[in-house]
PDB file of N, CA and C in Angstrom:
ATOM      1  N   GLN A   1       3.387  25.406  -0.181  1.00  0.00           N
ATOM      2  CA  GLN A   1       4.722  25.581  -0.338  1.00  0.00           C
ATOM      3  C   GLN A   1       5.345  24.001  -1.178  1.00  0.00           C
ATOM      4  N   VAL A   2       6.602  24.447  -2.505  1.00  0.00           N
ATOM      5  CA  VAL A   2       6.686  23.441  -3.194  1.00  0.00           C
ATOM      6  C   VAL A   2       8.163  22.962  -2.473  1.00  0.00           C
ATOM      7  N   GLN A   3       8.512  21.423  -2.716  1.00  0.00           N
ATOM      8  CA  GLN A   3       9.504  20.680  -1.986  1.00  0.00           C
ATOM      9  C   GLN A   3       9.551  19.742  -2.658  1.00  0.00           C
ATOM     10  N   LEU A   4      11.202  19.532  -3.307  1.00  0.00           N
ATOM     11  CA  LEU A   4      11.693  18.470  -4.102  1.00  0.00           C
ATOM     12  C   LEU A   4      12.695  17.689  -3.185  1.00  0.00           C
ATOM     13  N   VAL A   5      12.676  16.242  -3.007  1.00  0.00           N
ATOM     14  CA  VAL A   5      13.652  15.899  -2.655  1.00  0.00           C
ATOM     15  C   VAL A   5      14.069  14.809  -3.440  1.00  0.00           C
ATOM     16  N   GLU A   6      15.749  14.645  -3.345  1.00  0.00           N
ATOM     17  CA  GLU A   6      15.987  13.785  -3.905  1.00  0.00           C
ATOM     18  C   GLU A   6      16.048  12.186  -2.955  1.00  0.00           C
ATOM     19  N   ASN A   7      16.217  11.202  -3.898  1.00  0.00           N
ATOM     20  CA  ASN A   7      16.906  10.020  -3.151  1.00  0.00           C
ATOM     21  C   ASN A   7      17.981   9.192  -4.321  1.00  0.00           C
ATOM     22  N   GLY A   8      18.392   7.886  -3.926  1.00  0.00           N
ATOM     23  CA  GLY A   8      19.038   7.503  -4.655  1.00  0.00           C
ATOM     24  C   GLY A   8      20.576   7.472  -4.781  1.00  0.00           C
ATOM     25  N   GLY A   9      21.231   8.141  -4.292  1.00  0.00           N
ATOM     26  CA  GLY A   9      22.391   8.560  -4.753  1.00  0.00           C
ATOM     27  C   GLY A   9      23.501   7.566  -3.721  1.00  0.00           C
ATOM     28  N   GLY A  10      24.825   7.277  -3.749  1.00  0.00           N
ATOM     29  CA  GLY A  10      25.179   6.334  -3.386  1.00  0.00           C
ATOM     30  C   GLY A  10      26.771   6.002  -4.136  1.00  0.00           C
ATOM     31  N   THR A  11      27.594   5.104  -3.916  1.00  0.00           N
ATOM     32  CA  THR A  11      28.968   5.054  -4.503  1.00  0.00           C
ATOM     33  C   THR A  11      28.227   3.374  -5.566  1.00  0.00           C
ATOM     34  N   VAL A  12      29.243   3.738  -6.954  1.00  0.00           N
ATOM     35  CA  VAL A  12      29.265   2.554  -7.370  1.00  0.00           C
ATOM     36  C   VAL A  12      30.508   2.467  -8.087  1.00  0.00           C
ATOM     37  N   PRO A  13      31.116   1.267  -9.060  1.00  0.00           N
ATOM     38  CA  PRO A  13      32.063   1.613  -9.709  1.00  0.00           C
ATOM     39  C   PRO A  13      31.860   1.853 -11.124  1.00  0.00           C
ATOM     40  N   ALA A  14      33.270   2.412 -11.637  1.00  0.00           N
ATOM     41  CA  ALA A  14      33.093   2.892 -13.541  1.00  0.00           C
ATOM     42  C   ALA A  14      32.019   1.734 -13.887  1.00  0.00           C
ATOM     43  N   GLY A  15      31.406   2.280 -14.915  1.00  0.00           N
ATOM     44  CA  GLY A  15      30.371   1.215 -16.136  1.00  0.00           C
ATOM     45  C   GLY A  15      29.000   0.525 -14.938  1.00  0.00           C
ATOM     46  N   GLY A  16      29.123   1.376 -13.485  1.00  0.00           N
ATOM     47  CA  GLY A  16      27.343   0.654 -13.148  1.00  0.00           C
ATOM     48  C   GLY A  16      26.587   1.705 -13.286  1.00  0.00           C
ATOM     49  N   SER A  17      25.692   1.321 -12.439  1.00  0.00           N
ATOM     50  CA  SER A  17      24.326   2.087 -12.782  1.00  0.00           C
ATOM     51  C   SER A  17      23.477   2.547 -11.385  1.00  0.00           C
ATOM     52  N   LEU A  18      23.077   3.585 -11.393  1.00  0.00           N
ATOM     53  CA  LEU A  18      21.991   4.533  -9.718  1.00  0.00           C
ATOM     54  C   LEU A  18      20.898   4.594 -10.837  1.00  0.00           C
ATOM     55  N   ARG A  19      20.107   4.755 -10.131  1.00  0.00           N
ATOM     56  CA  ARG A  19      18.836   5.646 -10.118  1.00  0.00           C
ATOM     57  C   ARG A  19      18.087   6.141  -9.628  1.00  0.00           C
ATOM     58  N   LEU A  20      18.302   7.584  -9.655  1.00  0.00           N
ATOM     59  CA  LEU A  20      17.972   8.833  -8.645  1.00  0.00           C
ATOM     60  C   LEU A  20      16.361   9.085  -9.023  1.00  0.00           C
ATOM     61  N   SER A  21      15.842   9.428  -7.629  1.00  0.00           N
ATOM     62  CA  SER A  21      14.191  10.128  -7.576  1.00  0.00           C
ATOM     63  C   SER A  21      14.165  10.985  -7.267  1.00  0.00           C
ATOM     64  N   CYS A  22      13.277  11.790  -8.026  1.00  0.00           N
ATOM     65  CA  CYS A  22      12.787  13.427  -6.891  1.00  0.00           C
ATOM     66  C   CYS A  22      11.650  13.392  -6.745  1.00  0.00           C
ATOM     67  N   VAL A  23      10.780  13.325  -5.680  1.00  0.00           N
ATOM     68  CA  VAL A  23       9.572  13.644  -5.361  1.00  0.00           C
ATOM     69  C   VAL A  23       9.303  14.808  -5.151  1.00  0.00           C
ATOM     70  N   LEU A  24       8.383  14.962  -5.735  1.00  0.00           N
ATOM     71  CA  LEU A  24       7.613  16.538  -5.679  1.00  0.00           C
ATOM     72  C   LEU A  24       6.302  16.803  -4.512  1.00  0.00           C
ATOM     73  N   SER A  25       5.898  17.972  -3.843  1.00  0.00           N
ATOM     74  CA  SER A  25       5.044  18.154  -3.534  1.00  0.00           C
ATOM     75  C   SER A  25       4.619  19.473  -4.094  1.00  0.00           C
ATOM     76  N   GLY A  26       3.588  19.968  -3.597  1.00  0.00           N
ATOM     77  CA  GLY A  26       3.016  21.317  -3.315  1.00  0.00           C
ATOM     78  C   GLY A  26       2.964  21.834  -4.889  1.00  0.00           C
ATOM     79  N   ARG A  27       3.214  20.847  -5.955  1.00  0.00           N
ATOM     80  CA  ARG A  27       2.874  21.308  -7.084  1.00  0.00           C
ATOM     81  C   ARG A  27       3.135  20.260  -8.180  1.00  0.00           C
ATOM     82  N   THR A  28       2.555  19.617  -9.507  1.00  0.00           N
ATOM     83  CA  THR A  28       2.526  18.807  -9.964  1.00  0.00           C
ATOM     84  C   THR A  28       3.130  18.794 -11.186  1.00  0.00           C
ATOM     85  N   ILE A  29       4.115  17.747 -11.714  1.00  0.00           N
ATOM     86  CA  ILE A  29       4.898  17.613 -13.024  1.00  0.00           C
ATOM     87  C   ILE A  29       3.919  17.928 -14.128  1.00  0.00           C
ATOM     88  N   ALA A  30       2.957  17.872 -13.906  1.00  0.00           N
ATOM     89  CA  ALA A  30       2.061  17.673 -15.481  1.00  0.00           C
ATOM     90  C   ALA A  30       1.623  18.642 -15.452  1.00  0.00           C
ATOM     91  N   ASN A  31       2.272  19.994 -14.609  1.00  0.00           N
ATOM     92  CA  ASN A  31       2.321  20.924 -15.218  1.00  0.00           C
ATOM     93  C   ASN A  31       3.290  22.277 -15.289  1.00  0.00           C
ATOM     94  N   TYR A  32       4.239  21.120 -14.804  1.00  0.00           N
ATOM     95  CA  TYR A  32       5.507  22.314 -14.659  1.00  0.00           C
ATOM     96  C   TYR A  32       6.733  20.843 -14.936  1.00  0.00           C
ATOM     97  N   GLY A  33       7.492  22.013 -15.321  1.00  0.00           N
ATOM     98  CA  GLY A  33       8.994  21.278 -15.990  1.00  0.00           C
ATOM     99  C   GLY A  33      10.008  21.108 -15.069  1.00  0.00           C
ATOM    100  N   THR A  34      10.580  19.842 -14.957  1.00  0.00           N
ATOM    101  CA  THR A  34      11.574  19.233 -14.073  1.00  0.00           C
ATOM    102  C   THR A  34      12.930  19.307 -14.420  1.00  0.00           C
ATOM    103  N   ALA A  35      13.980  19.651 -13.966  1.00  0.00           N
ATOM    104  CA  ALA A  35      15.136  19.129 -14.359  1.00  0.00           C
ATOM    105  C   ALA A  35      16.226  18.569 -13.302  1.00  0.00           C
ATOM    106  N   TRP A  36      17.380  17.592 -13.561  1.00  0.00           N
ATOM    107  CA  TRP A  36      18.232  17.626 -12.805  1.00  0.00           C
ATOM    108  C   TRP A  36      19.815  18.325 -13.180  1.00  0.00           C
ATOM    109  N   PHE A  37      20.257  18.852 -12.099  1.00  0.00           N
ATOM    110  CA  PHE A  37      21.635  19.447 -12.052  1.00  0.00           C
ATOM    111  C   PHE A  37      22.729  18.933 -11.606  1.00  0.00           C
ATOM    112  N   ARG A  38      24.098  19.131 -12.099  1.00  0.00           N
ATOM    113  CA  ARG A  38      25.022  18.447 -10.841  1.00  0.00           C
ATOM    114  C   ARG A  38      26.187  19.343 -11.175  1.00  0.00           C
ATOM    115  N   GLN A  39      27.063  19.195  -9.679  1.00  0.00           N
ATOM    116  CA  GLN A  39      27.887  19.889  -9.278  1.00  0.00           C
ATOM    117  C   GLN A  39      29.039  18.846  -8.910  1.00  0.00           C
ATOM    118  N   ALA A  40      29.961  19.109  -9.259  1.00  0.00           N
ATOM    119  CA  ALA A  40      31.287  18.127  -8.965  1.00  0.00           C
ATOM    120  C   ALA A  40      32.147  19.279  -8.299  1.00  0.00           C
ATOM    121  N   PRO A  41      33.030  19.444  -7.067  1.00  0.00           N
ATOM    122  CA  PRO A  41      33.809  20.019  -6.414  1.00  0.00           C
ATOM    123  C   PRO A  41      34.292  20.681  -7.127  1.00  0.00           C
ATOM    124  N   GLY A  42      34.496  21.772  -7.054  1.00  0.00           N
ATOM    125  CA  GLY A  42      35.357  22.922  -7.646  1.00  0.00           C
ATOM    126  C   GLY A  42      34.935  23.822  -8.963  1.00  0.00           C
ATOM    127  N   LYS A  43      33.531  22.769  -9.492  1.00  0.00           N
ATOM    128  CA  LYS A  43      32.795  23.769 -10.736  1.00  0.00           C
ATOM    129  C   LYS A  43      32.008  23.896 -10.942  1.00  0.00           C
ATOM    130  N   GLU A  44      31.632  24.705 -11.795  1.00  0.00           N
ATOM    131  CA  GLU A  44      29.661  25.457 -11.828  1.00  0.00           C
ATOM    132  C   GLU A  44      28.946  24.216 -12.035  1.00  0.00           C
ATOM    133  N   ARG A  45      27.559  24.334 -11.062  1.00  0.00           N
ATOM    134  CA  ARG A  45      26.654  23.248 -11.282  1.00  0.00           C
ATOM    135  C   ARG A  45      26.047  23.650 -13.060  1.00  0.00           C
ATOM    136  N   GLU A  46      25.802  21.809 -13.620  1.00  0.00           N
ATOM    137  CA  GLU A  46      25.845  21.630 -14.838  1.00  0.00           C
ATOM    138  C   GLU A  46      24.436  20.903 -15.035  1.00  0.00           C
ATOM    139  N   PHE A  47      23.903  21.469 -16.052  1.00  0.00           N
ATOM    140  CA  PHE A  47      22.794  21.419 -16.527  1.00  0.00           C
ATOM    141  C   PHE A  47      22.703  19.332 -16.826  1.00  0.00           C
ATOM    142  N   VAL A  48      21.895  18.462 -16.371  1.00  0.00           N
ATOM    143  CA  VAL A  48      21.777  16.806 -16.677  1.00  0.00           C
ATOM    144  C   VAL A  48      20.979  16.597 -17.677  1.00  0.00           C
ATOM    145  N   ALA A  49      19.575  16.643 -17.366  1.00  0.00           N
ATOM    146  CA  ALA A  49      18.722  16.665 -17.792  1.00  0.00           C
ATOM    147  C   ALA A  49      17.016  17.259 -17.722  1.00  0.00           C
ATOM    148  N   ALA A  50      15.942  17.073 -18.575  1.00  0.00           N
ATOM    149  CA  ALA A  50      15.045  17.541 -18.020  1.00  0.00           C
ATOM    150  C   ALA A  50      13.666  17.293 -18.623  1.00  0.00           C
ATOM    151  N   ILE A  51      12.806  17.275 -17.850  1.00  0.00           N
ATOM    152  CA  ILE A  51      11.587  16.745 -18.574  1.00  0.00           C
ATOM    153  C   ILE A  51      10.596  17.804 -18.750  1.00  0.00           C
ATOM    154  N   SER A  52       9.590  18.296 -19.322  1.00  0.00           N
ATOM    155  CA  SER A  52       8.812  19.397 -19.648  1.00  0.00           C
ATOM    156  C   SER A  52       7.215  18.518 -19.080  1.00  0.00           C
ATOM    157  N   TRP A  53       6.733  19.544 -19.018  1.00  0.00           N
ATOM    158  CA  TRP A  53       5.173  19.122 -18.082  1.00  0.00           C
ATOM    159  C   TRP A  53       4.549  18.051 -19.235  1.00  0.00           C
ATOM    160  N   SER A  54       4.560  18.156 -20.528  1.00  0.00           N
ATOM    161  CA  SER A  54       4.270  17.467 -21.391  1.00  0.00           C
ATOM    162  C   SER A  54       4.973  16.417 -21.783  1.00  0.00           C
ATOM    163  N   GLY A  55       6.091  15.915 -21.064  1.00  0.00           N
ATOM    164  CA  GLY A  55       7.084  15.144 -21.333  1.00  0.00           C
ATOM    165  C   GLY A  55       7.841  14.598 -21.873  1.00  0.00           C
ATOM    166  N   ASP A  56       8.297  15.888 -23.093  1.00  0.00           N
ATOM    167  CA  ASP A  56       9.523  16.042 -23.881  1.00  0.00           C
ATOM    168  C   ASP A  56      10.699  16.065 -22.728  1.00  0.00           C
ATOM    169  N   THR A  57      11.621  15.054 -23.256  1.00  0.00           N
ATOM    170  CA  THR A  57      13.070  15.402 -22.646  1.00  0.00           C
ATOM    171  C   THR A  57      14.042  15.874 -23.235  1.00  0.00           C
ATOM    172  N   PHE A  58      15.288  16.494 -22.652  1.00  0.00           N
ATOM    173  CA  PHE A  58      16.494  16.920 -23.264  1.00  0.00           C
ATOM    174  C   PHE A  58      17.712  16.265 -22.179  1.00  0.00           C
ATOM    175  N   TYR A  59      18.604  16.616 -22.545  1.00  0.00           N
ATOM    176  CA  TYR A  59      19.743  16.134 -21.957  1.00  0.00           C
ATOM    177  C   TYR A  59      20.766  17.064 -22.463  1.00  0.00           C
ATOM    178  N   GLY A  60      22.083  16.971 -21.314  1.00  0.00           N
ATOM    179  CA  GLY A  60      23.034  17.230 -21.434  1.00  0.00           C
ATOM    180  C   GLY A  60      24.261  16.854 -22.765  1.00  0.00           C
ATOM    181  N   GLN A  61      25.230  17.285 -22.866  1.00  0.00           N
ATOM    182  CA  GLN A  61      25.833  16.596 -24.157  1.00  0.00           C
ATOM    183  C   GLN A  61      26.653  15.417 -24.266  1.00  0.00           C
ATOM    184  N   SER A  62      26.742  15.321 -22.757  1.00  0.00           N
ATOM    185  CA  SER A  62      27.859  14.289 -22.137  1.00  0.00           C
ATOM    186  C   SER A  62      27.160  13.195 -21.914  1.00  0.00           C
ATOM    187  N   MET A  63      25.736  13.219 -21.616  1.00  0.00           N
ATOM    188  CA  MET A  63      25.101  12.872 -20.733  1.00  0.00           C
ATOM    189  C   MET A  63      24.044  11.755 -22.087  1.00  0.00           C
ATOM    190  N   LYS A  64      23.845  12.135 -23.238  1.00  0.00           N
ATOM    191  CA  LYS A  64      23.116  11.402 -24.292  1.00  0.00           C
ATOM    192  C   LYS A  64      23.506  10.152 -24.494  1.00  0.00           C
ATOM    193  N   GLY A  65      22.709   9.535 -24.344  1.00  0.00           N
ATOM    194  CA  GLY A  65      22.849   7.881 -24.650  1.00  0.00           C
ATOM    195  C   GLY A  65      22.861   7.014 -22.985  1.00  0.00           C
ATOM    196  N   ARG A  66      23.177   7.882 -22.311  1.00  0.00           N
ATOM    197  CA  ARG A  66      23.517   7.231 -20.806  1.00  0.00           C
ATOM    198  C   ARG A  66      22.585   7.273 -19.799  1.00  0.00           C
ATOM    199  N   PHE A  67      22.105   8.563 -19.854  1.00  0.00           N
ATOM    200  CA  PHE A  67      21.345   8.655 -19.223  1.00  0.00           C
ATOM    201  C   PHE A  67      19.688   8.803 -19.974  1.00  0.00           C
ATOM    202  N   THR A  68      18.832   8.405 -18.794  1.00  0.00           N
ATOM    203  CA  THR A  68      17.443   8.758 -19.240  1.00  0.00           C
ATOM    204  C   THR A  68      16.652   9.231 -17.815  1.00  0.00           C
ATOM    205  N   ILE A  69      15.530  10.237 -18.345  1.00  0.00           N
ATOM    206  CA  ILE A  69      14.958  11.225 -17.365  1.00  0.00           C
ATOM    207  C   ILE A  69      13.581  10.654 -17.629  1.00  0.00           C
ATOM    208  N   SER A  70      12.703  10.244 -16.678  1.00  0.00           N
ATOM    209  CA  SER A  70      11.465   9.940 -17.163  1.00  0.00           C
ATOM    210  C   SER A  70      10.450  10.601 -16.045  1.00  0.00           C
ATOM    211  N   GLY A  71       8.870  10.652 -15.915  1.00  0.00           N
ATOM    212  CA  GLY A  71       8.521  11.113 -15.470  1.00  0.00           C
ATOM    213  C   GLY A  71       7.333   9.747 -14.770  1.00  0.00           C
ATOM    214  N   ASP A  72       6.729   9.879 -13.391  1.00  0.00           N
ATOM    215  CA  ASP A  72       5.874   9.059 -12.959  1.00  0.00           C
ATOM    216  C   ASP A  72       4.766  10.402 -12.403  1.00  0.00           C
ATOM    217  N   PHE A  73       3.757  10.259 -13.105  1.00  0.00           N
ATOM    218  CA  PHE A  73       2.778  11.550 -13.439  1.00  0.00           C
ATOM    219  C   PHE A  73       2.075  10.650 -11.963  1.00  0.00           C
ATOM    220  N   ARG A  74       1.812   9.352 -11.777  1.00  0.00           N
ATOM    221  CA  ARG A  74       1.219   8.556 -10.753  1.00  0.00           C
ATOM    222  C   ARG A  74       1.209   9.254  -9.168  1.00  0.00           C
ATOM    223  N   LYS A  75       2.947   9.241  -9.153  1.00  0.00           N
ATOM    224  CA  LYS A  75       3.419   9.131  -8.238  1.00  0.00           C
ATOM    225  C   LYS A  75       4.309  10.804  -7.794  1.00  0.00           C
ATOM    226  N   ASN A  76       3.756  11.626  -8.927  1.00  0.00           N
ATOM    227  CA  ASN A  76       4.703  13.041  -8.855  1.00  0.00           C
ATOM    228  C   ASN A  76       6.039  13.130  -8.646  1.00  0.00           C
ATOM    229  N   MET A  77       6.952  11.787  -9.624  1.00  0.00           N
ATOM    230  CA  MET A  77       7.999  11.894  -9.316  1.00  0.00           C
ATOM    231  C   MET A  77       8.501  11.814 -10.384  1.00  0.00           C
ATOM    232  N   VAL A  78      10.057  12.239 -10.564  1.00  0.00           N
ATOM    233  CA  VAL A  78      10.982  12.295 -11.601  1.00  0.00           C
ATOM    234  C   VAL A  78      11.961  11.494 -11.741  1.00  0.00           C
ATOM    235  N   ASN A  79      12.476  10.338 -12.046  1.00  0.00           N
ATOM    236  CA  ASN A  79      13.497   9.935 -11.958  1.00  0.00           C
ATOM    237  C   ASN A  79      14.509  10.227 -13.085  1.00  0.00           C
ATOM    238  N   LEU A  80      15.998   9.860 -12.614  1.00  0.00           N
ATOM    239  CA  LEU A  80      16.816  10.067 -13.300  1.00  0.00           C
ATOM    240  C   LEU A  80      17.320   8.360 -13.416  1.00  0.00           C
ATOM    241  N   GLN A  81      17.668   7.990 -14.776  1.00  0.00           N
ATOM    242  CA  GLN A  81      18.653   6.248 -14.869  1.00  0.00           C
ATOM    243  C   GLN A  81      19.713   6.826 -15.548  1.00  0.00           C
ATOM    244  N   MET A  82      20.698   6.684 -14.884  1.00  0.00           N
ATOM    245  CA  MET A  82      21.984   6.342 -14.951  1.00  0.00           C
ATOM    246  C   MET A  82      22.884   5.439 -15.497  1.00  0.00           C
ATOM    247  N   ASP A  83      23.046   5.323 -16.674  1.00  0.00           N
ATOM    248  CA  ASP A  83      23.898   3.815 -16.556  1.00  0.00           C
ATOM    249  C   ASP A  83      25.551   4.481 -17.367  1.00  0.00           C
ATOM    250  N   ASN A  84      26.245   3.273 -17.538  1.00  0.00           N
ATOM    251  CA  ASN A  84      27.544   3.235 -18.011  1.00  0.00           C
ATOM    252  C   ASN A  84      28.129   4.760 -17.036  1.00  0.00           C
ATOM    253  N   LEU A  85      28.146   4.632 -15.935  1.00  0.00           N
ATOM    254  CA  LEU A  85      29.106   5.857 -15.120  1.00  0.00           C
ATOM    255  C   LEU A  85      30.063   6.438 -15.444  1.00  0.00           C
ATOM    256  N   GLU A  86      30.546   7.102 -15.381  1.00  0.00           N
ATOM    257  CA  GLU A  86      32.234   7.093 -15.308  1.00  0.00           C
ATOM    258  C   GLU A  86      31.958   7.818 -13.873  1.00  0.00           C
ATOM    259  N   PRO A  87      33.746   8.282 -13.630  1.00  0.00           N
ATOM    260  CA  PRO A  87      34.597   8.710 -12.341  1.00  0.00           C
ATOM    261  C   PRO A  87      33.927  10.166 -12.599  1.00  0.00           C
ATOM    262  N   GLU A  88      34.192  11.033 -14.006  1.00  0.00           N
ATOM    263  CA  GLU A  88      33.718  12.058 -14.339  1.00  0.00           C
ATOM    264  C   GLU A  88      32.232  12.554 -14.363  1.00  0.00           C
ATOM    265  N   ASP A  89      31.289  11.794 -13.702  1.00  0.00           N
ATOM    266  CA  ASP A  89      29.861  11.965 -13.363  1.00  0.00           C
ATOM    267  C   ASP A  89      29.791  12.049 -11.336  1.00  0.00           C
ATOM    268  N   THR A  90      30.885  11.756 -10.939  1.00  0.00           N
ATOM    269  CA  THR A  90      30.652  12.288  -9.671  1.00  0.00           C
ATOM    270  C   THR A  90      30.154  13.346  -9.141  1.00  0.00           C
ATOM    271  N   ALA A  91      29.440  14.009  -8.330  1.00  0.00           N
ATOM    272  CA  ALA A  91      28.864  14.880  -8.437  1.00  0.00           C
ATOM    273  C   ALA A  91      27.552  15.153  -7.369  1.00  0.00           C
ATOM    274  N   VAL A  92      27.201  16.496  -6.624  1.00  0.00           N
ATOM    275  CA  VAL A  92      26.222  15.942  -5.785  1.00  0.00           C
ATOM    276  C   VAL A  92      25.123  16.503  -6.816  1.00  0.00           C
ATOM    277  N   TYR A  93      24.072  15.428  -6.823  1.00  0.00           N
ATOM    278  CA  TYR A  93      22.749  15.724  -7.999  1.00  0.00           C
ATOM    279  C   TYR A  93      21.660  16.427  -7.539  1.00  0.00           C
ATOM    280  N   TYR A  94      20.935  17.258  -8.274  1.00  0.00           N
ATOM    281  CA  TYR A  94      19.672  18.107  -7.443  1.00  0.00           C
ATOM    282  C   TYR A  94      18.723  18.514  -8.674  1.00  0.00           C
ATOM    283  N   CYS A  95      17.742  18.155  -8.047  1.00  0.00           N
ATOM    284  CA  CYS A  95      16.697  18.024  -8.677  1.00  0.00           C
ATOM    285  C   CYS A  95      15.829  19.459  -8.740  1.00  0.00           C
ATOM    286  N   ALA A  96      15.493  19.750  -9.897  1.00  0.00           N
ATOM    287  CA  ALA A  96      14.845  21.678  -9.718  1.00  0.00           C
ATOM    288  C   ALA A  96      13.761  21.331 -10.407  1.00  0.00           C
ATOM    289  N   GLY A  97      12.792  22.527  -9.971  1.00  0.00           N
ATOM    290  CA  GLY A  97      11.405  22.995 -10.476  1.00  0.00           C
ATOM    291  C   GLY A  97      11.241  23.836 -10.922  1.00  0.00           C
ATOM    292  N   HIS A  98      10.610  23.632 -12.825  1.00  0.00           N
ATOM    293  CA  HIS A  98      10.737  25.100 -13.502  1.00  0.00           C
ATOM    294  C   HIS A  98      10.183  26.236 -12.860  1.00  0.00           C
ATOM    295  N   ARG A  99      10.309  27.226 -13.088  1.00  0.00           N
ATOM    296  CA  ARG A  99      10.092  28.718 -12.423  1.00  0.00           C
ATOM    297  C   ARG A  99       8.232  29.013 -12.855  1.00  0.00           C
ATOM    298  N   HIS A 100       7.663  28.825 -14.182  1.00  0.00           N
ATOM    299  CA  HIS A 100       6.990  28.886 -15.098  1.00  0.00           C
ATOM    300  C   HIS A 100       5.660  28.146 -15.067  1.00  0.00           C
ATOM    301  N   LEU A 101       4.242  28.588 -15.022  1.00  0.00           N
ATOM    302  CA  LEU A 101       3.607  27.056 -15.611  1.00  0.00           C
ATOM    303  C   LEU A 101       3.593  26.894 -17.267  1.00  0.00           C
ATOM    304  N   ARG A 102       4.097  25.398 -17.570  1.00  0.00           N
ATOM    305  CA  ARG A 102       3.977  24.996 -18.652  1.00  0.00           C
ATOM    306  C   ARG A 102       4.613  25.680 -19.229  1.00  0.00           C
ATOM    307  N   GLY A 103       5.673  25.939 -18.753  1.00  0.00           N
ATOM    308  CA  GLY A 103       7.183  26.887 -19.412  1.00  0.00           C
ATOM    309  C   GLY A 103       7.779  25.448 -19.590  1.00  0.00           C
ATOM    310  N   TYR A 104       8.707  25.830 -21.016  1.00  0.00           N
ATOM    311  CA  TYR A 104       9.298  24.784 -21.117  1.00  0.00           C
ATOM    312  C   TYR A 104      10.773  24.558 -20.694  1.00  0.00           C
ATOM    313  N   PRO A 105      11.424  24.148 -20.122  1.00  0.00           N
ATOM    314  CA  PRO A 105      12.445  23.908 -19.503  1.00  0.00           C
ATOM    315  C   PRO A 105      13.658  23.819 -20.299  1.00  0.00           C
ATOM    316  N   ARG A 106      14.873  24.450 -20.358  1.00  0.00           N
ATOM    317  CA  ARG A 106      16.009  24.484 -20.793  1.00  0.00           C
ATOM    318  C   ARG A 106      17.063  24.679 -19.931  1.00  0.00           C
ATOM    319  N   ARG A 107      18.268  24.583 -20.116  1.00  0.00           N
ATOM    320  CA  ARG A 107      19.605  24.334 -19.039  1.00  0.00           C
ATOM    321  C   ARG A 107      20.152  25.425 -18.121  1.00  0.00           C
ATOM    322  N   GLU A 108      19.157  26.609 -18.565  1.00  0.00           N
ATOM    323  CA  GLU A 108      19.975  27.364 -17.469  1.00  0.00           C
ATOM    324  C   GLU A 108      19.151  27.585 -16.526  1.00  0.00           C
ATOM    325  N   MET A 109      20.354  27.449 -15.390  1.00  0.00           N
ATOM    326  CA  MET A 109      19.598  27.827 -13.811  1.00  0.00           C
ATOM    327  C   MET A 109      18.857  28.465 -13.603  1.00  0.00           C
ATOM    328  N   ALA A 110      18.706  29.822 -13.776  1.00  0.00           N
ATOM    329  CA  ALA A 110      17.608  31.275 -13.915  1.00  0.00           C
ATOM    330  C   ALA A 110      16.377  30.793 -13.944  1.00  0.00           C
ATOM    331  N   GLU A 111      16.121  29.303 -14.884  1.00  0.00           N
ATOM    332  CA  GLU A 111      14.628  29.214 -15.240  1.00  0.00           C
ATOM    333  C   GLU A 111      13.913  28.250 -13.774  1.00  0.00           C
ATOM    334  N   TYR A 112      14.572  27.958 -12.863  1.00  0.00           N
ATOM    335  CA  TYR A 112      13.666  26.941 -12.244  1.00  0.00           C
ATOM    336  C   TYR A 112      14.364  27.670 -10.693  1.00  0.00           C
ATOM    337  N   ALA A 113      13.047  27.725 -10.138  1.00  0.00           N
ATOM    338  CA  ALA A 113      12.901  28.507  -9.100  1.00  0.00           C
ATOM    339  C   ALA A 113      13.024  27.507  -7.739  1.00  0.00           C
ATOM    340  N   TYR A 114      12.829  26.308  -7.701  1.00  0.00           N
ATOM    341  CA  TYR A 114      12.710  25.250  -6.960  1.00  0.00           C
ATOM    342  C   TYR A 114      13.690  24.567  -6.545  1.00  0.00           C
ATOM    343  N   TRP A 115      14.360  24.176  -5.733  1.00  0.00           N
ATOM    344  CA  TRP A 115      15.567  22.949  -5.862  1.00  0.00           C
ATOM    345  C   TRP A 115      15.735  22.465  -4.418  1.00  0.00           C
ATOM    346  N   GLY A 116      16.169  21.078  -5.010  1.00  0.00           N
ATOM    347  CA  GLY A 116      16.220  19.632  -3.840  1.00  0.00           C
ATOM    348  C   GLY A 116      17.477  20.312  -3.152  1.00  0.00           C
ATOM    349  N   GLN A 117      17.584  19.243  -1.619  1.00  0.00           N
ATOM    350  CA  GLN A 117      18.927  19.501  -1.084  1.00  0.00           C
ATOM    351  C   GLN A 117      19.900  18.854  -2.062  1.00  0.00           C
ATOM    352  N   GLY A 118      19.786  18.319  -2.845  1.00  0.00           N
ATOM    353  CA  GLY A 118      20.697  17.246  -3.480  1.00  0.00           C
ATOM    354  C   GLY A 118      21.327  15.878  -2.922  1.00  0.00           C
ATOM    355  N   THR A 119      21.895  14.860  -4.130  1.00  0.00           N
ATOM    356  CA  THR A 119      22.048  13.505  -3.448  1.00  0.00           C
ATOM    357  C   THR A 119      23.401  13.273  -3.856  1.00  0.00           C
ATOM    358  N   GLN A 120      24.102  12.775  -3.418  1.00  0.00           N
ATOM    359  CA  GLN A 120      25.572  12.254  -3.537  1.00  0.00           C
ATOM    360  C   GLN A 120      25.718  11.029  -4.507  1.00  0.00           C
ATOM    361  N   VAL A 121      26.678  11.411  -5.817  1.00  0.00           N
ATOM    362  CA  VAL A 121      26.622  10.389  -6.278  1.00  0.00           C
ATOM    363  C   VAL A 121      28.029  10.168  -6.604  1.00  0.00           C
ATOM    364  N   THR A 122      28.919   8.903  -6.251  1.00  0.00           N
ATOM    365  CA  THR A 122      30.310   8.808  -6.477  1.00  0.00           C
ATOM    366  C   THR A 122      30.365   7.879  -7.200  1.00  0.00           C
ATOM    367  N   VAL A 123      31.504   7.765  -8.713  1.00  0.00           N
ATOM    368  CA  VAL A 123      31.746   6.441  -9.514  1.00  0.00           C
ATOM    369  C   VAL A 123      33.199   6.551  -8.902  1.00  0.00           C
ATOM    370  N   SER A 124      33.427   5.287  -9.047  1.00  0.00           N
ATOM    371  CA  SER A 124      35.185   4.860  -8.467  1.00  0.00           C
ATOM    372  C   SER A 124      35.668   4.422  -9.730  1.00  0.00           C
ATOM    373  N   SER A 125      36.955   4.297  -9.524  1.00  0.00           N
ATOM    374  CA  SER A 125      37.452   4.202 -11.151  1.00  0.00           C
ATOM    375  C   SER A 125      37.936   2.761 -11.179  1.00  0.00           C
TER     376      SER A 125
END
């Protein structure tokens, strides 16, 4: 059974940093792409970043230069380092596992078959 568990959310002031982690079981990140999405109150779920099974990375437009996604293959974990946070980054952040073996992760939610429970990130102004 595939499970994704997020950790690391919290409340920080604007300009601060947070590091989210997604621990996977039932599959290895060396074979499947993994992504982060976020959903703010009253808004649609939004693509944040993704890392492919081979280590290639992709980012949403507003996250480029502020967020960094990385994979820890030994711990089977995907991390999201978020710097220079803005109040607009406030949302529930979800980790998602790609549907296909060695498929290339994109920004569409339909490509992801497995989701974590989410972790709240709040950025105060």
